[in-house]
Amino acid sequence: MTDEPLRATVTQRGVVFAPNDDILVVQRATDGGWELPGGRVDRNEDAVAGLQRELSEETGLTPDVVTPVHTLVWHNNDGNGRFGVYYYCRSRQRSVSLSTEHDDYAWEPARDARTRLSTPQQTAVDTATQTHSSST
């Protein structure tokens, strides 16, 4: 048992697969880094509904949120606690409409998409790819 429980903001991201098995990555407007789309859950918001809202706000897509595939706990550079949940998602759409949070996007094969991402997001892509392969 820990002496002090983690106080954390919950962040959710989607590993969104297109019908041809490409994965969506988006480029942050703030620093040019690439990430999986998603964001923070609002107070009293259902987890899946929160992810669907974030994906819609950031990309204009309404993918099916299938299942969680990876979780992670950390402290950011400001010392704030974070709890991240990554979901395997499927989209029939490929037409993306970005919010102002992102400057660019790409649909790429998993091996290419993961080269743009942080290690935790690479792990989420790997796990989602295994889930996707076993469900198709």
N, C-alpha and C. Protein backbone atom coordinates (compact mmCIF):
# COMPACT_ATOMS: atom_id res chain seq x y z
N MET A 1 0.84 -1.17 0.00
CA MET A 1 0.00 0.00 0.00
C MET A 1 0.89 1.24 0.00
N THR A 2 0.48 2.24 -0.73
CA THR A 2 1.24 3.48 -0.78
C THR A 2 0.80 4.39 0.36
N ASP A 3 1.70 5.31 0.74
CA ASP A 3 1.38 6.26 1.80
C ASP A 3 0.39 7.31 1.34
N GLU A 4 0.48 7.68 0.09
CA GLU A 4 -0.39 8.73 -0.43
C GLU A 4 -1.01 8.28 -1.75
N PRO A 5 -2.34 8.27 -1.83
CA PRO A 5 -2.96 7.84 -3.09
C PRO A 5 -2.70 8.85 -4.20
N LEU A 6 -2.69 8.36 -5.41
CA LEU A 6 -2.49 9.22 -6.57
C LEU A 6 -3.74 10.06 -6.81
N ARG A 7 -3.55 11.34 -6.96
CA ARG A 7 -4.62 12.24 -7.40
C ARG A 7 -4.29 12.55 -8.85
N ALA A 8 -5.22 12.20 -9.73
CA ALA A 8 -4.87 12.26 -11.15
C ALA A 8 -6.03 12.72 -12.02
N THR A 9 -5.67 13.36 -13.11
CA THR A 9 -6.60 13.66 -14.18
C THR A 9 -6.66 12.43 -15.08
N VAL A 10 -7.85 12.06 -15.51
CA VAL A 10 -8.01 10.90 -16.39
C VAL A 10 -7.98 11.39 -17.83
N THR A 11 -7.08 10.78 -18.61
CA THR A 11 -6.95 11.08 -20.03
C THR A 11 -7.24 9.81 -20.80
N GLN A 12 -7.99 9.93 -21.88
CA GLN A 12 -8.31 8.77 -22.72
C GLN A 12 -7.94 9.08 -24.16
N ARG A 13 -7.41 8.07 -24.83
CA ARG A 13 -7.02 8.22 -26.23
C ARG A 13 -7.50 6.99 -27.00
N GLY A 14 -7.76 7.22 -28.28
CA GLY A 14 -8.21 6.14 -29.13
C GLY A 14 -7.16 5.74 -30.13
N VAL A 15 -6.94 4.43 -30.25
CA VAL A 15 -6.16 3.87 -31.35
C VAL A 15 -7.21 3.54 -32.40
N VAL A 16 -7.40 4.50 -33.33
CA VAL A 16 -8.51 4.44 -34.28
C VAL A 16 -8.04 3.80 -35.58
N PHE A 17 -8.66 2.67 -35.92
CA PHE A 17 -8.35 1.93 -37.14
C PHE A 17 -9.36 2.27 -38.22
N ALA A 18 -8.87 2.55 -39.43
CA ALA A 18 -9.71 2.72 -40.61
C ALA A 18 -10.01 1.33 -41.20
N PRO A 19 -10.96 1.23 -42.13
CA PRO A 19 -11.27 -0.06 -42.73
C PRO A 19 -10.07 -0.77 -43.38
N ASN A 20 -9.08 0.00 -43.86
CA ASN A 20 -7.90 -0.63 -44.48
C ASN A 20 -6.79 -0.93 -43.47
N ASP A 21 -7.09 -0.81 -42.17
CA ASP A 21 -6.19 -1.10 -41.06
C ASP A 21 -5.19 0.00 -40.74
N ASP A 22 -5.26 1.16 -41.42
CA ASP A 22 -4.42 2.29 -41.03
C ASP A 22 -4.89 2.85 -39.69
N ILE A 23 -3.97 3.51 -38.98
CA ILE A 23 -4.24 4.11 -37.67
C ILE A 23 -4.13 5.63 -37.80
N LEU A 24 -5.00 6.33 -37.10
CA LEU A 24 -5.00 7.80 -37.13
C LEU A 24 -4.06 8.36 -36.07
N VAL A 25 -3.17 9.26 -36.50
CA VAL A 25 -2.34 10.04 -35.58
C VAL A 25 -2.56 11.51 -35.90
N VAL A 26 -2.46 12.36 -34.88
CA VAL A 26 -2.68 13.79 -35.05
C VAL A 26 -1.47 14.56 -34.51
N GLN A 27 -1.22 15.71 -35.12
CA GLN A 27 -0.07 16.53 -34.74
C GLN A 27 -0.54 17.71 -33.88
N ARG A 28 0.02 17.83 -32.67
CA ARG A 28 -0.34 18.90 -31.76
C ARG A 28 0.06 20.26 -32.31
N ALA A 29 -0.82 21.24 -32.18
CA ALA A 29 -0.53 22.60 -32.62
C ALA A 29 0.48 23.27 -31.69
N THR A 30 0.52 22.86 -30.43
CA THR A 30 1.37 23.53 -29.44
C THR A 30 2.85 23.30 -29.65
N ASP A 31 3.24 22.07 -30.00
CA ASP A 31 4.67 21.76 -30.09
C ASP A 31 5.05 20.91 -31.30
N GLY A 32 4.09 20.58 -32.15
CA GLY A 32 4.38 19.80 -33.35
C GLY A 32 4.54 18.31 -33.12
N GLY A 33 4.38 17.87 -31.87
CA GLY A 33 4.49 16.44 -31.58
C GLY A 33 3.26 15.69 -32.06
N TRP A 34 3.44 14.40 -32.29
CA TRP A 34 2.35 13.55 -32.76
C TRP A 34 1.79 12.74 -31.62
N GLU A 35 0.49 12.44 -31.69
CA GLU A 35 -0.17 11.69 -30.63
C GLU A 35 -1.40 10.98 -31.19
N LEU A 36 -1.94 10.10 -30.38
CA LEU A 36 -3.24 9.50 -30.67
C LEU A 36 -4.31 10.50 -30.24
N PRO A 37 -5.42 10.58 -30.95
CA PRO A 37 -6.46 11.55 -30.57
C PRO A 37 -7.14 11.15 -29.27
N GLY A 38 -7.59 12.16 -28.54
CA GLY A 38 -8.30 11.92 -27.28
C GLY A 38 -8.14 13.10 -26.36
N GLY A 39 -8.49 12.92 -25.10
CA GLY A 39 -8.39 14.01 -24.14
C GLY A 39 -8.92 13.62 -22.78
N ARG A 40 -9.24 14.62 -21.99
CA ARG A 40 -9.64 14.43 -20.60
C ARG A 40 -11.13 14.13 -20.47
N VAL A 41 -11.43 13.33 -19.46
CA VAL A 41 -12.81 13.00 -19.12
C VAL A 41 -13.35 14.12 -18.23
N ASP A 42 -14.56 14.55 -18.49
CA ASP A 42 -15.20 15.56 -17.66
C ASP A 42 -15.79 14.92 -16.40
N ARG A 43 -16.00 15.75 -15.39
CA ARG A 43 -16.61 15.29 -14.14
C ARG A 43 -17.98 14.68 -14.44
N ASN A 44 -18.27 13.54 -13.84
CA ASN A 44 -19.54 12.81 -13.97
C ASN A 44 -19.83 12.35 -15.39
N GLU A 45 -18.81 12.24 -16.24
CA GLU A 45 -19.01 11.79 -17.61
C GLU A 45 -18.69 10.30 -17.72
N ASP A 46 -19.51 9.58 -18.44
CA ASP A 46 -19.24 8.17 -18.73
C ASP A 46 -17.92 8.08 -19.51
N ALA A 47 -17.08 7.12 -19.18
CA ALA A 47 -15.76 7.02 -19.80
C ALA A 47 -15.83 6.90 -21.31
N VAL A 48 -16.63 5.98 -21.82
CA VAL A 48 -16.72 5.78 -23.27
C VAL A 48 -17.33 7.01 -23.94
N ALA A 49 -18.37 7.57 -23.33
CA ALA A 49 -18.98 8.79 -23.89
C ALA A 49 -17.97 9.93 -23.92
N GLY A 50 -17.12 10.01 -22.91
CA GLY A 50 -16.08 11.04 -22.88
C GLY A 50 -15.08 10.88 -24.01
N LEU A 51 -14.67 9.65 -24.27
CA LEU A 51 -13.75 9.42 -25.37
C LEU A 51 -14.42 9.72 -26.70
N GLN A 52 -15.67 9.28 -26.86
CA GLN A 52 -16.39 9.58 -28.11
C GLN A 52 -16.50 11.08 -28.32
N ARG A 53 -16.77 11.83 -27.26
CA ARG A 53 -16.87 13.29 -27.36
C ARG A 53 -15.53 13.88 -27.79
N GLU A 54 -14.45 13.46 -27.14
CA GLU A 54 -13.13 13.98 -27.47
C GLU A 54 -12.74 13.66 -28.92
N LEU A 55 -12.98 12.42 -29.36
CA LEU A 55 -12.65 12.04 -30.72
C LEU A 55 -13.44 12.87 -31.73
N SER A 56 -14.71 13.09 -31.44
CA SER A 56 -15.54 13.89 -32.32
C SER A 56 -15.07 15.35 -32.35
N GLU A 57 -14.77 15.91 -31.17
CA GLU A 57 -14.30 17.30 -31.11
C GLU A 57 -12.98 17.50 -31.85
N GLU A 58 -12.06 16.56 -31.68
CA GLU A 58 -10.72 16.73 -32.24
C GLU A 58 -10.60 16.34 -33.71
N THR A 59 -11.45 15.40 -34.16
CA THR A 59 -11.26 14.84 -35.51
C THR A 59 -12.51 14.88 -36.38
N GLY A 60 -13.67 15.11 -35.79
CA GLY A 60 -14.91 15.03 -36.54
C GLY A 60 -15.38 13.61 -36.78
N LEU A 61 -14.64 12.62 -36.30
CA LEU A 61 -15.00 11.21 -36.49
C LEU A 61 -15.91 10.73 -35.37
N THR A 62 -16.68 9.70 -35.66
CA THR A 62 -17.52 9.04 -34.65
C THR A 62 -17.22 7.54 -34.68
N PRO A 63 -16.00 7.15 -34.29
CA PRO A 63 -15.65 5.73 -34.35
C PRO A 63 -16.34 4.92 -33.26
N ASP A 64 -16.38 3.61 -33.48
CA ASP A 64 -16.84 2.69 -32.46
C ASP A 64 -15.71 2.50 -31.46
N VAL A 65 -16.00 2.72 -30.18
CA VAL A 65 -15.03 2.47 -29.11
C VAL A 65 -15.26 1.03 -28.69
N VAL A 66 -14.26 0.17 -28.93
CA VAL A 66 -14.45 -1.27 -28.75
C VAL A 66 -14.06 -1.73 -27.35
N THR A 67 -12.79 -1.51 -26.96
CA THR A 67 -12.33 -2.01 -25.67
C THR A 67 -11.05 -1.30 -25.24
N PRO A 68 -10.84 -1.16 -23.93
CA PRO A 68 -9.56 -0.62 -23.46
C PRO A 68 -8.45 -1.62 -23.77
N VAL A 69 -7.27 -1.09 -24.13
CA VAL A 69 -6.14 -1.97 -24.45
C VAL A 69 -4.87 -1.67 -23.66
N HIS A 70 -4.82 -0.51 -23.01
CA HIS A 70 -3.60 -0.15 -22.27
C HIS A 70 -3.93 0.94 -21.26
N THR A 71 -3.30 0.87 -20.09
CA THR A 71 -3.43 1.92 -19.08
C THR A 71 -2.04 2.32 -18.60
N LEU A 72 -1.96 3.52 -18.08
CA LEU A 72 -0.68 4.05 -17.63
C LEU A 72 -0.91 5.12 -16.57
N VAL A 73 -0.05 5.14 -15.54
CA VAL A 73 -0.10 6.16 -14.50
C VAL A 73 1.24 6.86 -14.47
N TRP A 74 1.24 8.21 -14.39
CA TRP A 74 2.48 8.96 -14.34
C TRP A 74 2.24 10.34 -13.74
N HIS A 75 3.32 11.06 -13.50
CA HIS A 75 3.27 12.48 -13.12
C HIS A 75 3.84 13.27 -14.28
N ASN A 76 3.16 14.36 -14.68
CA ASN A 76 3.67 15.17 -15.78
C ASN A 76 4.81 16.07 -15.29
N ASN A 77 5.33 16.90 -16.17
CA ASN A 77 6.47 17.76 -15.83
C ASN A 77 6.16 18.75 -14.71
N ASP A 78 4.87 19.06 -14.51
CA ASP A 78 4.47 19.96 -13.44
C ASP A 78 4.18 19.23 -12.13
N GLY A 79 4.38 17.90 -12.13
CA GLY A 79 4.13 17.10 -10.93
C GLY A 79 2.69 16.70 -10.74
N ASN A 80 1.84 16.93 -11.74
CA ASN A 80 0.43 16.55 -11.64
C ASN A 80 0.23 15.10 -12.04
N GLY A 81 -0.61 14.39 -11.29
CA GLY A 81 -0.89 12.99 -11.57
C GLY A 81 -1.75 12.83 -12.81
N ARG A 82 -1.46 11.80 -13.57
CA ARG A 82 -2.22 11.47 -14.78
C ARG A 82 -2.50 9.97 -14.78
N PHE A 83 -3.70 9.62 -15.23
CA PHE A 83 -4.09 8.23 -15.45
C PHE A 83 -4.58 8.15 -16.88
N GLY A 84 -3.88 7.42 -17.72
CA GLY A 84 -4.22 7.32 -19.12
C GLY A 84 -4.83 5.98 -19.47
N VAL A 85 -5.88 6.00 -20.27
CA VAL A 85 -6.53 4.79 -20.77
C VAL A 85 -6.58 4.89 -22.29
N TYR A 86 -6.10 3.85 -22.95
CA TYR A 86 -6.07 3.79 -24.41
C TYR A 86 -7.06 2.72 -24.86
N TYR A 87 -7.85 3.06 -25.89
CA TYR A 87 -8.91 2.18 -26.37
C TYR A 87 -8.66 1.79 -27.83
N TYR A 88 -9.01 0.57 -28.15
CA TYR A 88 -9.08 0.12 -29.53
C TYR A 88 -10.40 0.61 -30.10
N CYS A 89 -10.32 1.34 -31.23
CA CYS A 89 -11.50 1.92 -31.88
C CYS A 89 -11.49 1.59 -33.37
N ARG A 90 -12.68 1.54 -33.96
CA ARG A 90 -12.81 1.31 -35.40
C ARG A 90 -13.65 2.42 -36.02
N SER A 91 -13.18 2.93 -37.16
CA SER A 91 -13.91 3.99 -37.86
C SER A 91 -14.20 3.57 -39.29
N ARG A 92 -15.42 3.81 -39.71
CA ARG A 92 -15.77 3.59 -41.11
C ARG A 92 -15.43 4.84 -41.92
N GLN A 93 -15.22 5.95 -41.24
CA GLN A 93 -14.90 7.22 -41.88
C GLN A 93 -13.38 7.42 -41.96
N ARG A 94 -12.94 8.16 -42.96
CA ARG A 94 -11.53 8.55 -43.06
C ARG A 94 -11.38 10.06 -43.21
N SER A 95 -12.48 10.75 -43.41
CA SER A 95 -12.45 12.20 -43.61
C SER A 95 -12.36 12.88 -42.25
N VAL A 96 -11.21 13.50 -41.97
CA VAL A 96 -10.94 14.10 -40.67
C VAL A 96 -11.12 15.61 -40.76
N SER A 97 -11.75 16.18 -39.74
CA SER A 97 -11.90 17.62 -39.60
C SER A 97 -11.27 18.01 -38.27
N LEU A 98 -10.06 18.55 -38.32
CA LEU A 98 -9.29 18.83 -37.10
C LEU A 98 -9.81 20.04 -36.34
N SER A 99 -9.70 19.96 -35.02
CA SER A 99 -9.96 21.12 -34.17
C SER A 99 -8.70 21.99 -34.17
N THR A 100 -8.75 23.10 -33.49
CA THR A 100 -7.60 24.00 -33.41
C THR A 100 -6.46 23.42 -32.57
N GLU A 101 -6.72 22.33 -31.85
CA GLU A 101 -5.68 21.69 -31.04
C GLU A 101 -4.62 21.00 -31.89
N HIS A 102 -4.96 20.71 -33.15
CA HIS A 102 -4.05 19.95 -34.01
C HIS A 102 -3.89 20.63 -35.36
N ASP A 103 -2.68 20.51 -35.92
CA ASP A 103 -2.36 21.13 -37.21
C ASP A 103 -2.41 20.15 -38.38
N ASP A 104 -2.24 18.87 -38.10
CA ASP A 104 -2.15 17.89 -39.19
C ASP A 104 -2.58 16.53 -38.66
N TYR A 105 -2.82 15.63 -39.58
CA TYR A 105 -3.16 14.25 -39.23
C TYR A 105 -2.62 13.34 -40.31
N ALA A 106 -2.54 12.06 -39.97
CA ALA A 106 -2.13 11.05 -40.95
C ALA A 106 -2.80 9.73 -40.60
N TRP A 107 -3.23 9.01 -41.64
CA TRP A 107 -3.67 7.63 -41.51
C TRP A 107 -2.49 6.80 -41.99
N GLU A 108 -1.95 5.96 -41.12
CA GLU A 108 -0.75 5.21 -41.46
C GLU A 108 -0.84 3.78 -40.96
N PRO A 109 -0.08 2.88 -41.61
CA PRO A 109 0.03 1.53 -41.05
C PRO A 109 0.61 1.61 -39.64
N ALA A 110 0.27 0.67 -38.80
CA ALA A 110 0.70 0.69 -37.39
C ALA A 110 2.20 0.88 -37.25
N ARG A 111 3.00 0.19 -38.05
CA ARG A 111 4.47 0.29 -37.92
C ARG A 111 4.96 1.70 -38.18
N ASP A 112 4.31 2.43 -39.08
CA ASP A 112 4.70 3.81 -39.37
C ASP A 112 4.14 4.78 -38.32
N ALA A 113 2.89 4.58 -37.93
CA ALA A 113 2.27 5.45 -36.93
C ALA A 113 3.03 5.42 -35.62
N ARG A 114 3.46 4.23 -35.22
CA ARG A 114 4.11 4.12 -33.91
C ARG A 114 5.45 4.85 -33.87
N THR A 115 6.12 5.05 -35.01
CA THR A 115 7.41 5.76 -35.00
C THR A 115 7.23 7.24 -34.62
N ARG A 116 6.04 7.77 -34.76
CA ARG A 116 5.77 9.18 -34.42
C ARG A 116 5.40 9.37 -32.95
N LEU A 117 5.11 8.30 -32.24
CA LEU A 117 4.47 8.36 -30.93
C LEU A 117 5.43 8.10 -29.78
N SER A 118 5.02 8.53 -28.58
CA SER A 118 5.77 8.24 -27.35
C SER A 118 5.71 6.74 -27.06
N THR A 119 6.59 6.28 -26.20
CA THR A 119 6.64 4.86 -25.86
C THR A 119 5.31 4.33 -25.33
N PRO A 120 4.64 5.03 -24.39
CA PRO A 120 3.34 4.49 -23.94
C PRO A 120 2.32 4.40 -25.07
N GLN A 121 2.31 5.37 -25.97
CA GLN A 121 1.37 5.31 -27.07
C GLN A 121 1.76 4.22 -28.07
N GLN A 122 3.05 3.97 -28.24
CA GLN A 122 3.50 2.85 -29.07
C GLN A 122 2.98 1.54 -28.50
N THR A 123 3.06 1.38 -27.18
CA THR A 123 2.56 0.18 -26.53
C THR A 123 1.06 0.02 -26.77
N ALA A 124 0.33 1.12 -26.68
CA ALA A 124 -1.12 1.07 -26.95
C ALA A 124 -1.40 0.64 -28.38
N VAL A 125 -0.62 1.15 -29.33
CA VAL A 125 -0.79 0.77 -30.75
C VAL A 125 -0.50 -0.73 -30.92
N ASP A 126 0.57 -1.21 -30.29
CA ASP A 126 0.91 -2.64 -30.40
C ASP A 126 -0.21 -3.52 -29.86
N THR A 127 -0.73 -3.17 -28.69
CA THR A 127 -1.79 -3.97 -28.08
C THR A 127 -3.08 -3.88 -28.88
N ALA A 128 -3.41 -2.67 -29.35
CA ALA A 128 -4.62 -2.52 -30.17
C ALA A 128 -4.51 -3.27 -31.47
N THR A 129 -3.31 -3.29 -32.06
CA THR A 129 -3.09 -4.03 -33.31
C THR A 129 -3.33 -5.52 -33.09
N GLN A 130 -2.86 -6.05 -31.96
CA GLN A 130 -3.10 -7.47 -31.66
C GLN A 130 -4.61 -7.73 -31.50
N THR A 131 -5.29 -6.83 -30.81
CA THR A 131 -6.75 -6.96 -30.63
C THR A 131 -7.46 -6.88 -31.99
N HIS A 132 -7.04 -5.92 -32.80
CA HIS A 132 -7.65 -5.73 -34.11
C HIS A 132 -7.43 -6.97 -34.99
N SER A 133 -6.24 -7.51 -34.99
CA SER A 133 -5.92 -8.68 -35.80
C SER A 133 -6.75 -9.90 -35.39
N SER A 134 -6.99 -10.04 -34.10
CA SER A 134 -7.76 -11.21 -33.65
C SER A 134 -9.26 -11.02 -33.83
N SER A 135 -9.71 -9.76 -34.08
CA SER A 135 -11.15 -9.54 -34.24
C SER A 135 -11.58 -9.44 -35.70
N THR A 136 -10.62 -9.43 -36.62
CA THR A 136 -10.99 -9.32 -38.04
C THR A 136 -10.85 -10.64 -38.76
